[in-house]
């Protein structure tokens, strides 16, 4: 009977070892995934900033064009 009990204790200890190794490995993968998500977020933020600057430049150009057209039309009506 004692041998069976010790065998079961050994089996449970081995199972806990395997389980803890799997959990530890899973945590490493979750950390790596989090780092990749953070990097993508930083890249996306940089891209959004660049697009915002490009859009502001386009709006400035459009305003300049509209202003120049307004000046020309005002002079033509004269």
Protein backbone atom coordinates (compact mmCIF):
# COMPACT_ATOMS: atom_id res chain seq x y z
CA UNK A 1 0.00 0.00 0.00
CA UNK A 2 2.82 2.40 0.87
CA UNK A 3 4.45 1.81 -2.50
CA UNK A 4 1.25 2.71 -4.31
CA UNK A 5 0.89 5.91 -2.26
CA UNK A 6 4.47 6.96 -3.01
CA UNK A 7 3.97 6.16 -6.68
CA UNK A 8 0.90 8.39 -6.73
CA UNK A 9 2.80 11.19 -4.95
CA UNK A 10 5.60 10.87 -7.51
CA UNK A 11 3.12 10.90 -10.36
CA UNK A 12 1.42 14.03 -8.99
CA UNK A 13 4.79 15.76 -8.51
CA UNK A 14 5.80 14.91 -12.08
CA UNK A 15 2.43 16.17 -13.36
CA UNK A 16 2.87 19.43 -11.45
CA UNK A 17 6.36 19.80 -12.94
CA UNK A 18 5.05 19.33 -16.46
CA UNK A 19 2.17 21.69 -15.79
CA UNK A 20 4.42 24.40 -14.36
CA UNK A 21 6.80 24.09 -17.33
CA UNK A 22 3.87 24.45 -19.73
CA UNK A 23 2.55 27.48 -17.86
CA UNK A 24 5.98 29.09 -17.75
CA UNK A 25 6.38 28.53 -21.48
CA UNK A 26 2.92 29.98 -22.09
CA UNK A 27 3.77 33.08 -20.06
CA UNK A 28 6.87 33.61 -22.20
CA UNK A 29 4.77 33.40 -25.33
CA UNK A 30 2.22 35.83 -23.90
CA UNK A 31 5.04 38.29 -23.08
CA UNK A 32 6.42 37.95 -26.62
CA UNK A 33 2.96 38.52 -28.07
CA UNK A 34 2.53 41.60 -25.87
CA UNK A 35 5.85 42.99 -27.10
CA UNK A 36 4.80 42.45 -30.72
CA UNK A 37 1.47 44.15 -30.10
CA UNK A 38 3.26 47.09 -28.45
CA UNK A 39 5.61 47.39 -31.42
CA UNK A 40 2.69 47.33 -33.86
CA UNK A 41 0.92 49.99 -31.81
CA UNK A 42 4.02 52.21 -31.87
CA UNK A 43 4.37 51.70 -35.62
CA UNK A 44 0.70 52.48 -36.15
CA UNK A 45 0.98 55.64 -34.03
CA UNK A 46 3.97 56.79 -36.08
CA UNK A 47 2.09 56.10 -39.32
CA UNK A 48 -0.99 57.98 -38.11
CA UNK A 49 1.19 60.96 -37.17
CA UNK A 50 2.79 60.93 -40.62
CA UNK A 51 -0.60 60.75 -42.32
CA UNK A 52 -1.86 63.62 -40.16
CA UNK A 53 1.09 65.78 -41.16
CA UNK A 54 0.56 64.90 -44.82
CA UNK A 55 -3.13 65.76 -44.55
CA UNK A 56 -2.37 69.09 -42.87
CA UNK A 57 0.03 69.89 -45.71
CA UNK A 58 -2.61 69.05 -48.31
CA UNK A 59 -5.14 71.25 -46.51
CA UNK A 60 -2.64 74.14 -46.45
CA UNK A 61 -2.04 73.72 -50.19
CA UNK A 62 -5.77 73.67 -50.85
CA UNK A 63 -6.30 76.81 -48.76
CA UNK A 64 -3.51 78.58 -50.67
CA UNK A 65 -5.06 77.53 -53.99
CA UNK A 66 -8.52 78.73 -52.95
CA UNK A 67 -7.09 82.02 -51.70
CA UNK A 68 -5.18 82.57 -54.96
CA UNK A 69 -8.34 81.85 -56.94
CA UNK A 70 -10.32 84.26 -54.74
CA UNK A 71 -7.73 86.99 -55.37
CA UNK A 72 -7.83 86.39 -59.14
CA UNK A 73 -11.65 86.46 -59.25
CA UNK A 74 -11.76 89.61 -57.12
CA UNK A 75 -9.33 91.36 -59.48
CA UNK A 76 -11.26 90.17 -62.54
CA UNK A 77 -14.50 91.67 -61.20
CA UNK A 78 -12.62 94.79 -60.47
